[in-house]
Amino acid sequence: MLLTISGSSCSGKTTTVRACGPIDGLVWHDFDEIGVPDDADLVWRHRSLEGWLQKALRYQADGLDMLLTGQSPLGEVLACPSAPLLDGIAACLLDVDDDVRRQRLAQRDPGKWDDRATDRFIGWARWQRAHAADRWHLPEAITAGGWEPMRWDRWADLPGWAVTVIDTTGRSVEESAADLRRWIDDQRRSANQDIA
């Protein structure tokens, strides 16, 4: 199964997953570990996401689940050509208050982001919140000008739309990690019951 943890920058994805510690039968990757070119665009992200799903399929063949952290929301994951081949897909959005995100960006990368760039991170976070609740919220944000093989029509075939949101605002890393660990365990347990 593939578990995805998405969220705009500085929502706490990497920190929270690391705090969960090792989990038997689960391999964790961060999307950006493949390297992000300076000219990365939507097509690059979609094509790279498909590569990650193919990696998840290789893990699946070995009896392992994969957790992927990154920027890709559930709608992109489901539209990838390889998505139907996975035994299961579960999505979680790690989020944080906009003002806290601004503070974290400034602390993590002092002087790197001007107000306009920071506003883009905030806008992406707001879009992800809305997408988590409603698959049809401004879909063109991820579909327009995307990679041609993506299958956006799959959204219409889904009986439900399930994205768990974990808000890290005002919470310790340990508290957020406990929530995330529970979500991971629940998703894996549910997927195993569906297969049995």
N, C-alpha and C. Protein backbone atom coordinates (compact mmCIF):
# COMPACT_ATOMS: atom_id res chain seq x y z
N MET A 1 0.84 -1.18 0.00
CA MET A 1 0.00 0.00 0.00
C MET A 1 0.88 1.23 0.00
N LEU A 2 0.35 2.31 -0.53
CA LEU A 2 1.04 3.60 -0.53
C LEU A 2 0.32 4.54 0.42
N LEU A 3 1.08 5.09 1.36
CA LEU A 3 0.55 6.12 2.26
C LEU A 3 1.24 7.42 1.89
N THR A 4 0.46 8.45 1.61
CA THR A 4 1.05 9.73 1.23
C THR A 4 0.79 10.77 2.32
N ILE A 5 1.85 11.51 2.62
CA ILE A 5 1.76 12.62 3.57
C ILE A 5 2.10 13.87 2.78
N SER A 6 1.10 14.68 2.50
CA SER A 6 1.33 15.90 1.73
C SER A 6 1.17 17.12 2.63
N GLY A 7 1.57 18.24 2.09
CA GLY A 7 1.43 19.50 2.80
C GLY A 7 2.40 20.52 2.25
N SER A 8 2.03 21.76 2.31
CA SER A 8 2.91 22.82 1.86
C SER A 8 4.13 22.87 2.76
N SER A 9 5.18 23.53 2.30
CA SER A 9 6.43 23.59 3.05
C SER A 9 6.22 24.08 4.48
N CYS A 10 6.98 23.50 5.38
CA CYS A 10 6.99 23.84 6.82
C CYS A 10 5.73 23.44 7.56
N SER A 11 5.02 22.43 7.06
CA SER A 11 3.88 21.92 7.82
C SER A 11 4.34 20.88 8.84
N GLY A 12 5.57 20.41 8.72
CA GLY A 12 6.11 19.46 9.70
C GLY A 12 6.19 18.03 9.20
N LYS A 13 6.12 17.81 7.90
CA LYS A 13 6.09 16.45 7.35
C LYS A 13 7.32 15.63 7.77
N THR A 14 8.49 16.12 7.42
CA THR A 14 9.72 15.36 7.69
C THR A 14 9.95 15.19 9.18
N THR A 15 9.80 16.24 9.94
CA THR A 15 10.01 16.18 11.39
C THR A 15 9.06 15.19 12.04
N THR A 16 7.80 15.23 11.64
CA THR A 16 6.79 14.36 12.25
C THR A 16 7.02 12.90 11.89
N VAL A 17 7.32 12.63 10.62
CA VAL A 17 7.55 11.24 10.22
C VAL A 17 8.79 10.68 10.91
N ARG A 18 9.85 11.47 10.98
CA ARG A 18 11.05 11.01 11.69
C ARG A 18 10.75 10.67 13.14
N ALA A 19 9.89 11.47 13.77
CA ALA A 19 9.55 11.25 15.17
C ALA A 19 8.72 9.98 15.38
N CYS A 20 8.12 9.46 14.32
CA CYS A 20 7.37 8.21 14.42
C CYS A 20 8.31 7.02 14.63
N GLY A 21 9.54 7.18 14.20
CA GLY A 21 10.50 6.09 14.33
C GLY A 21 10.26 5.01 13.28
N PRO A 22 11.09 3.98 13.29
CA PRO A 22 10.93 2.89 12.31
C PRO A 22 9.62 2.13 12.54
N ILE A 23 9.02 1.70 11.45
CA ILE A 23 7.77 0.94 11.51
C ILE A 23 7.97 -0.32 10.67
N ASP A 24 7.75 -1.48 11.27
CA ASP A 24 7.95 -2.75 10.56
C ASP A 24 7.14 -2.79 9.27
N GLY A 25 7.81 -3.22 8.19
CA GLY A 25 7.14 -3.40 6.91
C GLY A 25 6.81 -2.13 6.17
N LEU A 26 7.31 -0.99 6.66
CA LEU A 26 7.02 0.30 6.02
C LEU A 26 8.33 1.01 5.68
N VAL A 27 8.43 1.42 4.43
CA VAL A 27 9.60 2.14 3.95
C VAL A 27 9.19 3.58 3.69
N TRP A 28 9.99 4.53 4.19
CA TRP A 28 9.67 5.94 4.03
C TRP A 28 10.62 6.60 3.03
N HIS A 29 10.04 7.42 2.14
CA HIS A 29 10.81 8.24 1.21
C HIS A 29 10.22 9.65 1.20
N ASP A 30 11.10 10.62 0.98
CA ASP A 30 10.67 11.99 0.75
C ASP A 30 10.77 12.25 -0.74
N PHE A 31 9.72 12.79 -1.33
CA PHE A 31 9.66 13.04 -2.76
C PHE A 31 10.92 13.73 -3.28
N ASP A 32 11.40 14.73 -2.53
CA ASP A 32 12.51 15.57 -3.01
C ASP A 32 13.87 14.88 -2.96
N GLU A 33 13.94 13.66 -2.41
CA GLU A 33 15.24 13.00 -2.35
C GLU A 33 15.78 12.65 -3.73
N ILE A 34 14.93 12.70 -4.75
CA ILE A 34 15.39 12.46 -6.11
C ILE A 34 16.08 13.70 -6.70
N GLY A 35 16.00 14.82 -5.97
CA GLY A 35 16.55 16.08 -6.47
C GLY A 35 15.48 16.86 -7.21
N VAL A 36 15.44 18.14 -6.95
CA VAL A 36 14.45 19.00 -7.60
C VAL A 36 15.19 19.99 -8.49
N PRO A 37 15.01 19.89 -9.81
CA PRO A 37 15.70 20.82 -10.70
C PRO A 37 15.18 22.25 -10.54
N ASP A 38 16.01 23.20 -10.90
CA ASP A 38 15.61 24.61 -10.79
C ASP A 38 14.38 24.93 -11.63
N ASP A 39 14.21 24.21 -12.72
CA ASP A 39 13.08 24.48 -13.62
C ASP A 39 11.92 23.49 -13.41
N ALA A 40 11.86 22.90 -12.21
CA ALA A 40 10.78 21.95 -11.92
C ALA A 40 9.42 22.60 -12.12
N ASP A 41 8.54 21.89 -12.80
CA ASP A 41 7.20 22.40 -13.05
C ASP A 41 6.18 21.30 -12.77
N LEU A 42 4.95 21.54 -13.11
CA LEU A 42 3.88 20.58 -12.85
C LEU A 42 4.12 19.27 -13.59
N VAL A 43 4.54 19.35 -14.84
CA VAL A 43 4.80 18.13 -15.61
C VAL A 43 5.91 17.32 -14.93
N TRP A 44 6.96 17.99 -14.49
CA TRP A 44 8.04 17.29 -13.79
C TRP A 44 7.51 16.61 -12.53
N ARG A 45 6.67 17.32 -11.76
CA ARG A 45 6.14 16.73 -10.52
C ARG A 45 5.28 15.52 -10.82
N HIS A 46 4.41 15.61 -11.82
CA HIS A 46 3.54 14.49 -12.16
C HIS A 46 4.36 13.29 -12.63
N ARG A 47 5.30 13.53 -13.50
CA ARG A 47 6.13 12.45 -14.04
C ARG A 47 6.95 11.80 -12.91
N SER A 48 7.48 12.64 -12.02
CA SER A 48 8.27 12.12 -10.90
C SER A 48 7.39 11.35 -9.93
N LEU A 49 6.17 11.81 -9.72
CA LEU A 49 5.24 11.10 -8.84
C LEU A 49 4.94 9.71 -9.40
N GLU A 50 4.76 9.62 -10.69
CA GLU A 50 4.55 8.30 -11.32
C GLU A 50 5.75 7.40 -11.04
N GLY A 51 6.96 7.95 -11.09
CA GLY A 51 8.15 7.17 -10.75
C GLY A 51 8.10 6.66 -9.32
N TRP A 52 7.61 7.50 -8.40
CA TRP A 52 7.47 7.07 -7.01
C TRP A 52 6.43 5.97 -6.87
N LEU A 53 5.33 6.06 -7.61
CA LEU A 53 4.33 5.00 -7.55
C LEU A 53 4.88 3.68 -8.08
N GLN A 54 5.71 3.75 -9.11
CA GLN A 54 6.34 2.53 -9.61
C GLN A 54 7.28 1.93 -8.57
N LYS A 55 7.95 2.79 -7.82
CA LYS A 55 8.80 2.31 -6.72
C LYS A 55 7.93 1.65 -5.64
N ALA A 56 6.79 2.25 -5.33
CA ALA A 56 5.87 1.67 -4.35
C ALA A 56 5.40 0.29 -4.81
N LEU A 57 5.19 0.12 -6.11
CA LEU A 57 4.79 -1.18 -6.65
C LEU A 57 5.90 -2.22 -6.46
N ARG A 58 7.15 -1.81 -6.60
CA ARG A 58 8.26 -2.74 -6.37
C ARG A 58 8.30 -3.15 -4.91
N TYR A 59 8.10 -2.20 -4.01
CA TYR A 59 8.03 -2.54 -2.59
C TYR A 59 6.85 -3.47 -2.32
N GLN A 60 5.71 -3.17 -2.93
CA GLN A 60 4.52 -4.00 -2.76
C GLN A 60 4.81 -5.44 -3.14
N ALA A 61 5.53 -5.64 -4.24
CA ALA A 61 5.88 -6.99 -4.69
C ALA A 61 6.74 -7.72 -3.66
N ASP A 62 7.47 -6.94 -2.85
CA ASP A 62 8.31 -7.52 -1.80
C ASP A 62 7.59 -7.59 -0.46
N GLY A 63 6.30 -7.27 -0.44
CA GLY A 63 5.51 -7.35 0.79
C GLY A 63 5.67 -6.15 1.71
N LEU A 64 6.12 -5.02 1.18
CA LEU A 64 6.33 -3.82 1.98
C LEU A 64 5.37 -2.72 1.57
N ASP A 65 5.03 -1.86 2.52
CA ASP A 65 4.26 -0.66 2.24
C ASP A 65 5.23 0.51 2.13
N MET A 66 4.81 1.56 1.43
CA MET A 66 5.66 2.74 1.28
C MET A 66 4.92 3.99 1.75
N LEU A 67 5.63 4.82 2.50
CA LEU A 67 5.11 6.12 2.91
C LEU A 67 5.90 7.18 2.15
N LEU A 68 5.20 8.09 1.49
CA LEU A 68 5.84 9.13 0.69
C LEU A 68 5.41 10.50 1.20
N THR A 69 6.39 11.31 1.61
CA THR A 69 6.10 12.69 2.00
C THR A 69 6.42 13.60 0.82
N GLY A 70 5.64 14.66 0.68
CA GLY A 70 5.89 15.60 -0.41
C GLY A 70 4.77 16.59 -0.59
N GLN A 71 4.74 17.20 -1.76
CA GLN A 71 3.76 18.23 -2.07
C GLN A 71 2.53 17.71 -2.81
N SER A 72 2.59 16.48 -3.32
CA SER A 72 1.52 15.96 -4.17
C SER A 72 0.27 15.59 -3.38
N PRO A 73 -0.85 16.23 -3.68
CA PRO A 73 -2.11 15.91 -3.00
C PRO A 73 -2.73 14.63 -3.55
N LEU A 74 -3.76 14.15 -2.88
CA LEU A 74 -4.41 12.90 -3.26
C LEU A 74 -4.84 12.89 -4.74
N GLY A 75 -5.37 14.00 -5.23
CA GLY A 75 -5.83 14.04 -6.62
C GLY A 75 -4.75 13.69 -7.62
N GLU A 76 -3.53 14.13 -7.37
CA GLU A 76 -2.42 13.79 -8.27
C GLU A 76 -2.06 12.32 -8.15
N VAL A 77 -2.01 11.82 -6.93
CA VAL A 77 -1.64 10.41 -6.72
C VAL A 77 -2.62 9.49 -7.45
N LEU A 78 -3.91 9.75 -7.28
CA LEU A 78 -4.93 8.90 -7.89
C LEU A 78 -4.91 8.97 -9.41
N ALA A 79 -4.45 10.09 -9.97
CA ALA A 79 -4.44 10.26 -11.43
C ALA A 79 -3.23 9.63 -12.10
N CYS A 80 -2.24 9.23 -11.34
CA CYS A 80 -1.05 8.62 -11.93
C CYS A 80 -1.40 7.31 -12.65
N PRO A 81 -0.73 7.03 -13.77
CA PRO A 81 -1.04 5.81 -14.51
C PRO A 81 -0.95 4.53 -13.67
N SER A 82 0.00 4.45 -12.74
CA SER A 82 0.20 3.23 -11.96
C SER A 82 -0.70 3.11 -10.74
N ALA A 83 -1.46 4.13 -10.41
CA ALA A 83 -2.27 4.13 -9.18
C ALA A 83 -3.19 2.90 -9.05
N PRO A 84 -3.88 2.47 -10.11
CA PRO A 84 -4.80 1.33 -9.95
C PRO A 84 -4.10 0.01 -9.62
N LEU A 85 -2.80 -0.05 -9.81
CA LEU A 85 -2.06 -1.28 -9.56
C LEU A 85 -1.67 -1.46 -8.09
N LEU A 86 -1.82 -0.40 -7.30
CA LEU A 86 -1.47 -0.47 -5.89
C LEU A 86 -2.58 -1.17 -5.10
N ASP A 87 -2.19 -1.91 -4.07
CA ASP A 87 -3.17 -2.60 -3.22
C ASP A 87 -4.03 -1.62 -2.44
N GLY A 88 -3.51 -0.43 -2.22
CA GLY A 88 -4.27 0.59 -1.49
C GLY A 88 -3.53 1.91 -1.50
N ILE A 89 -4.28 2.99 -1.37
CA ILE A 89 -3.72 4.34 -1.28
C ILE A 89 -4.44 5.05 -0.15
N ALA A 90 -3.66 5.65 0.73
CA ALA A 90 -4.23 6.44 1.82
C ALA A 90 -3.53 7.79 1.84
N ALA A 91 -4.29 8.84 2.12
CA ALA A 91 -3.74 10.20 2.07
C ALA A 91 -3.96 10.94 3.37
N CYS A 92 -2.91 11.65 3.78
CA CYS A 92 -2.96 12.49 4.97
C CYS A 92 -2.36 13.85 4.61
N LEU A 93 -3.00 14.89 5.05
CA LEU A 93 -2.49 16.24 4.88
C LEU A 93 -1.97 16.72 6.23
N LEU A 94 -0.68 17.03 6.29
CA LEU A 94 -0.14 17.68 7.49
C LEU A 94 -0.22 19.17 7.24
N ASP A 95 -0.82 19.88 8.17
CA ASP A 95 -1.08 21.30 7.98
C ASP A 95 -0.65 22.08 9.21
N VAL A 96 -0.56 23.40 9.04
CA VAL A 96 -0.22 24.29 10.14
C VAL A 96 -0.83 25.66 9.83
N ASP A 97 -1.11 26.42 10.86
CA ASP A 97 -1.66 27.76 10.71
C ASP A 97 -0.75 28.60 9.80
N ASP A 98 -1.36 29.47 8.99
CA ASP A 98 -0.59 30.28 8.04
C ASP A 98 0.50 31.11 8.71
N ASP A 99 0.18 31.74 9.83
CA ASP A 99 1.19 32.57 10.51
C ASP A 99 2.35 31.73 11.04
N VAL A 100 2.05 30.54 11.53
CA VAL A 100 3.10 29.64 12.01
C VAL A 100 3.97 29.20 10.83
N ARG A 101 3.34 28.92 9.68
CA ARG A 101 4.10 28.52 8.50
C ARG A 101 5.07 29.64 8.10
N ARG A 102 4.60 30.88 8.12
CA ARG A 102 5.47 32.02 7.80
C ARG A 102 6.68 32.06 8.75
N GLN A 103 6.42 31.87 10.04
CA GLN A 103 7.50 31.88 11.03
C GLN A 103 8.49 30.74 10.78
N ARG A 104 7.96 29.55 10.50
CA ARG A 104 8.82 28.39 10.26
C ARG A 104 9.68 28.59 9.00
N LEU A 105 9.08 29.14 7.95
CA LEU A 105 9.84 29.40 6.72
C LEU A 105 10.99 30.37 6.99
N ALA A 106 10.70 31.42 7.75
CA ALA A 106 11.73 32.42 8.07
C ALA A 106 12.83 31.83 8.93
N GLN A 107 12.49 30.94 9.85
CA GLN A 107 13.48 30.32 10.73
C GLN A 107 14.30 29.27 9.99
N ARG A 108 13.63 28.49 9.13
CA ARG A 108 14.31 27.41 8.42
C ARG A 108 15.27 27.95 7.35
N ASP A 109 14.82 28.94 6.63
CA ASP A 109 15.59 29.49 5.50
C ASP A 109 15.69 31.00 5.62
N PRO A 110 16.44 31.52 6.61
CA PRO A 110 16.50 32.98 6.81
C PRO A 110 16.90 33.74 5.55
N GLY A 111 16.03 34.70 5.17
CA GLY A 111 16.32 35.56 4.02
C GLY A 111 16.10 34.93 2.66
N LYS A 112 15.74 33.66 2.60
CA LYS A 112 15.60 32.98 1.30
C LYS A 112 14.31 33.35 0.59
N TRP A 113 13.22 33.51 1.35
CA TRP A 113 11.91 33.72 0.73
C TRP A 113 11.43 35.15 0.97
N ASP A 114 11.12 35.85 -0.14
CA ASP A 114 10.52 37.17 0.03
C ASP A 114 9.02 36.99 0.28
N ASP A 115 8.31 38.10 0.49
CA ASP A 115 6.88 38.02 0.81
C ASP A 115 6.08 37.32 -0.28
N ARG A 116 6.45 37.57 -1.52
CA ARG A 116 5.71 36.97 -2.64
C ARG A 116 5.88 35.45 -2.65
N ALA A 117 7.10 34.98 -2.43
CA ALA A 117 7.34 33.54 -2.39
C ALA A 117 6.62 32.91 -1.20
N THR A 118 6.69 33.56 -0.06
CA THR A 118 6.01 33.05 1.13
C THR A 118 4.51 32.98 0.91
N ASP A 119 3.95 33.99 0.24
CA ASP A 119 2.52 33.98 -0.07
C ASP A 119 2.15 32.80 -0.97
N ARG A 120 3.06 32.38 -1.84
CA ARG A 120 2.78 31.21 -2.69
C ARG A 120 2.69 29.94 -1.84
N PHE A 121 3.57 29.80 -0.85
CA PHE A 121 3.49 28.65 0.06
C PHE A 121 2.15 28.66 0.81
N ILE A 122 1.75 29.85 1.26
CA ILE A 122 0.49 29.98 1.99
C ILE A 122 -0.69 29.65 1.07
N GLY A 123 -0.65 30.15 -0.16
CA GLY A 123 -1.72 29.86 -1.12
C GLY A 123 -1.83 28.37 -1.43
N TRP A 124 -0.68 27.71 -1.56
CA TRP A 124 -0.67 26.27 -1.84
C TRP A 124 -1.25 25.52 -0.63
N ALA A 125 -0.92 25.96 0.57
CA ALA A 125 -1.46 25.34 1.77
C ALA A 125 -2.98 25.49 1.82
N ARG A 126 -3.48 26.66 1.49
CA ARG A 126 -4.93 26.89 1.51
C ARG A 126 -5.63 26.03 0.46
N TRP A 127 -5.01 25.92 -0.72
CA TRP A 127 -5.60 25.08 -1.76
C TRP A 127 -5.62 23.62 -1.29
N GLN A 128 -4.53 23.17 -0.68
CA GLN A 128 -4.48 21.77 -0.23
C GLN A 128 -5.55 21.49 0.82
N ARG A 129 -5.80 22.44 1.71
CA ARG A 129 -6.87 22.26 2.71
C ARG A 129 -8.21 22.05 2.01
N ALA A 130 -8.48 22.90 1.03
CA ALA A 130 -9.77 22.81 0.32
C ALA A 130 -9.86 21.53 -0.50
N HIS A 131 -8.76 21.11 -1.13
CA HIS A 131 -8.74 19.88 -1.92
C HIS A 131 -8.95 18.65 -1.02
N ALA A 132 -8.40 18.70 0.18
CA ALA A 132 -8.58 17.59 1.11
C ALA A 132 -10.06 17.38 1.43
N ALA A 133 -10.81 18.46 1.50
CA ALA A 133 -12.23 18.39 1.83
C ALA A 133 -13.12 18.16 0.61
N ASP A 134 -12.68 18.65 -0.56
CA ASP A 134 -13.52 18.61 -1.76
C ASP A 134 -12.66 18.42 -3.00
N ARG A 135 -12.76 17.25 -3.60
CA ARG A 135 -11.92 16.93 -4.78
C ARG A 135 -12.12 17.91 -5.92
N TRP A 136 -13.27 18.57 -5.98
CA TRP A 136 -13.58 19.46 -7.11
C TRP A 136 -13.21 20.92 -6.84
N HIS A 137 -12.52 21.19 -5.76
CA HIS A 137 -12.10 22.56 -5.48
C HIS A 137 -10.96 22.96 -6.42
N LEU A 138 -11.22 23.89 -7.32
CA LEU A 138 -10.22 24.42 -8.26
C LEU A 138 -9.27 23.34 -8.77
N PRO A 139 -9.77 22.30 -9.43
CA PRO A 139 -8.90 21.21 -9.88
C PRO A 139 -7.83 21.66 -10.87
N GLU A 140 -8.09 22.77 -11.56
CA GLU A 140 -7.12 23.24 -12.54
C GLU A 140 -5.78 23.61 -11.91
N ALA A 141 -5.76 23.79 -10.59
CA ALA A 141 -4.50 24.09 -9.91
C ALA A 141 -3.48 22.97 -10.10
N ILE A 142 -3.96 21.73 -10.29
CA ILE A 142 -3.04 20.61 -10.51
C ILE A 142 -3.24 19.92 -11.86
N THR A 143 -4.33 20.24 -12.55
CA THR A 143 -4.59 19.56 -13.82
C THR A 143 -4.15 20.36 -15.04
N ALA A 144 -4.30 21.67 -15.02
CA ALA A 144 -4.00 22.50 -16.19
C ALA A 144 -2.51 22.49 -16.49
N GLY A 145 -2.18 22.08 -17.69
CA GLY A 145 -0.78 22.06 -18.11
C GLY A 145 0.01 20.92 -17.50
N GLY A 146 -0.68 19.92 -16.98
CA GLY A 146 -0.01 18.79 -16.35
C GLY A 146 0.48 17.77 -17.37
N TRP A 147 1.01 16.70 -16.84
CA TRP A 147 1.57 15.61 -17.65
C TRP A 147 0.44 14.88 -18.36
N GLU A 148 0.56 14.67 -19.64
CA GLU A 148 -0.51 14.12 -20.48
C GLU A 148 -1.05 12.76 -20.01
N PRO A 149 -0.23 11.82 -19.55
CA PRO A 149 -0.78 10.51 -19.16
C PRO A 149 -1.63 10.49 -17.88
N MET A 150 -1.69 11.59 -17.17
CA MET A 150 -2.48 11.61 -15.93
C MET A 150 -3.95 11.35 -16.25
N ARG A 151 -4.63 10.60 -15.37
CA ARG A 151 -6.03 10.20 -15.57
C ARG A 151 -6.93 10.90 -14.56
N TRP A 152 -7.23 12.16 -14.81
CA TRP A 152 -8.04 12.95 -13.89
C TRP A 152 -9.47 12.43 -13.77
N ASP A 153 -9.93 11.70 -14.79
CA ASP A 153 -11.29 11.17 -14.77
C ASP A 153 -11.51 10.15 -13.65
N ARG A 154 -10.44 9.63 -13.08
CA ARG A 154 -10.58 8.65 -11.99
C ARG A 154 -11.29 9.26 -10.77
N TRP A 155 -11.16 10.56 -10.59
CA TRP A 155 -11.80 11.20 -9.44
C TRP A 155 -13.30 10.94 -9.42
N ALA A 156 -13.92 10.99 -10.61
CA ALA A 156 -15.38 10.85 -10.70
C ALA A 156 -15.83 9.44 -10.33
N ASP A 157 -14.96 8.46 -10.50
CA ASP A 157 -15.32 7.06 -10.25
C ASP A 157 -15.24 6.67 -8.77
N LEU A 158 -14.70 7.54 -7.94
CA LEU A 158 -14.51 7.20 -6.53
C LEU A 158 -15.81 7.35 -5.75
N PRO A 159 -16.14 6.36 -4.93
CA PRO A 159 -17.34 6.48 -4.12
C PRO A 159 -17.19 7.50 -2.99
N GLY A 160 -15.97 7.70 -2.54
CA GLY A 160 -15.71 8.65 -1.46
C GLY A 160 -14.39 9.35 -1.66
N TRP A 161 -14.13 10.29 -0.80
CA TRP A 161 -12.90 11.07 -0.89
C TRP A 161 -12.38 11.21 0.54
N ALA A 162 -11.32 10.52 0.86
CA ALA A 162 -10.86 10.49 2.25
C ALA A 162 -9.43 11.00 2.37
N VAL A 163 -9.29 12.18 2.95
CA VAL A 163 -7.98 12.72 3.28
C VAL A 163 -8.03 13.11 4.76
N THR A 164 -7.20 12.47 5.55
CA THR A 164 -7.11 12.82 6.97
C THR A 164 -6.24 14.05 7.10
N VAL A 165 -6.68 15.01 7.91
CA VAL A 165 -5.90 16.22 8.14
C VAL A 165 -5.38 16.20 9.57
N ILE A 166 -4.07 16.37 9.71
CA ILE A 166 -3.45 16.50 11.02
C ILE A 166 -2.85 17.90 11.09
N ASP A 167 -3.38 18.69 12.01
CA ASP A 167 -2.92 20.07 12.18
C ASP A 167 -1.85 20.09 13.26
N THR A 168 -0.65 20.55 12.91
CA THR A 168 0.47 20.56 13.85
C THR A 168 0.56 21.86 14.66
N THR A 169 -0.37 22.78 14.42
CA THR A 169 -0.34 24.08 15.10
C THR A 169 -0.45 23.92 16.61
N GLY A 170 0.48 24.51 17.34
CA GLY A 170 0.43 24.51 18.79
C GLY A 170 0.60 23.15 19.43
N ARG A 171 1.12 22.20 18.69
CA ARG A 171 1.29 20.84 19.21
C ARG A 171 2.76 20.48 19.19
N SER A 172 3.15 19.65 20.12
CA SER A 172 4.54 19.19 20.15
C SER A 172 4.75 18.20 19.01
N VAL A 173 6.00 18.02 18.65
CA VAL A 173 6.34 17.03 17.62
C VAL A 173 5.84 15.65 18.06
N GLU A 174 5.99 15.34 19.33
CA GLU A 174 5.58 14.04 19.85
C GLU A 174 4.07 13.83 19.72
N GLU A 175 3.29 14.88 19.98
CA GLU A 175 1.83 14.76 19.84
C GLU A 175 1.44 14.55 18.39
N SER A 176 2.04 15.32 17.49
CA SER A 176 1.73 15.16 16.06
C SER A 176 2.18 13.80 15.56
N ALA A 177 3.34 13.34 16.02
CA ALA A 177 3.84 12.03 15.60
C ALA A 177 2.93 10.91 16.10
N ALA A 178 2.40 11.05 17.30
CA ALA A 178 1.48 10.03 17.82
C ALA A 178 0.23 9.96 16.96
N ASP A 179 -0.30 11.13 16.55
CA ASP A 179 -1.47 11.16 15.66
C ASP A 179 -1.15 10.50 14.32
N LEU A 180 0.02 10.83 13.78
CA LEU A 180 0.41 10.28 12.49
C LEU A 180 0.62 8.78 12.58
N ARG A 181 1.24 8.33 13.64
CA ARG A 181 1.48 6.89 13.83
C ARG A 181 0.16 6.14 13.92
N ARG A 182 -0.82 6.71 14.65
CA ARG A 182 -2.14 6.08 14.73
C ARG A 182 -2.78 5.99 13.35
N TRP A 183 -2.64 7.08 12.57
CA TRP A 183 -3.22 7.08 11.22
C TRP A 183 -2.56 6.00 10.36
N ILE A 184 -1.25 5.92 10.41
CA ILE A 184 -0.53 4.90 9.63
C ILE A 184 -1.00 3.51 10.03
N ASP A 185 -1.03 3.24 11.31
CA ASP A 185 -1.45 1.91 11.80
C ASP A 185 -2.88 1.60 11.38
N ASP A 186 -3.77 2.58 11.50
CA ASP A 186 -5.18 2.36 11.12
C ASP A 186 -5.31 2.06 9.63
N GLN A 187 -4.59 2.82 8.81
CA GLN A 187 -4.69 2.62 7.35
C GLN A 187 -4.16 1.26 6.95
N ARG A 188 -3.05 0.86 7.53
CA ARG A 188 -2.47 -0.44 7.19
C ARG A 188 -3.36 -1.58 7.69
N ARG A 189 -3.92 -1.44 8.87
CA ARG A 189 -4.82 -2.47 9.40
C ARG A 189 -6.06 -2.59 8.52
N SER A 190 -6.63 -1.46 8.12
CA SER A 190 -7.82 -1.46 7.28
C SER A 190 -7.52 -2.08 5.91
N ALA A 191 -6.37 -1.77 5.34
CA ALA A 191 -6.00 -2.32 4.04
C ALA A 191 -5.84 -3.83 4.13
N ASN A 192 -5.25 -4.31 5.21
CA ASN A 192 -5.07 -5.76 5.37
C ASN A 192 -6.40 -6.47 5.55
N GLN A 193 -7.37 -5.82 6.22
CA GLN A 193 -8.70 -6.43 6.37
C GLN A 193 -9.41 -6.51 5.02
N ASP A 194 -9.20 -5.47 4.19
CA ASP A 194 -9.84 -5.46 2.86
C ASP A 194 -9.29 -6.57 1.96
N ILE A 195 -8.01 -6.88 2.13
CA ILE A 195 -7.36 -7.89 1.29
C ILE A 195 -7.74 -9.29 1.76
N ALA A 196 -7.90 -9.46 3.06
CA ALA A 196 -8.16 -10.79 3.63
C ALA A 196 -9.49 -11.36 3.21
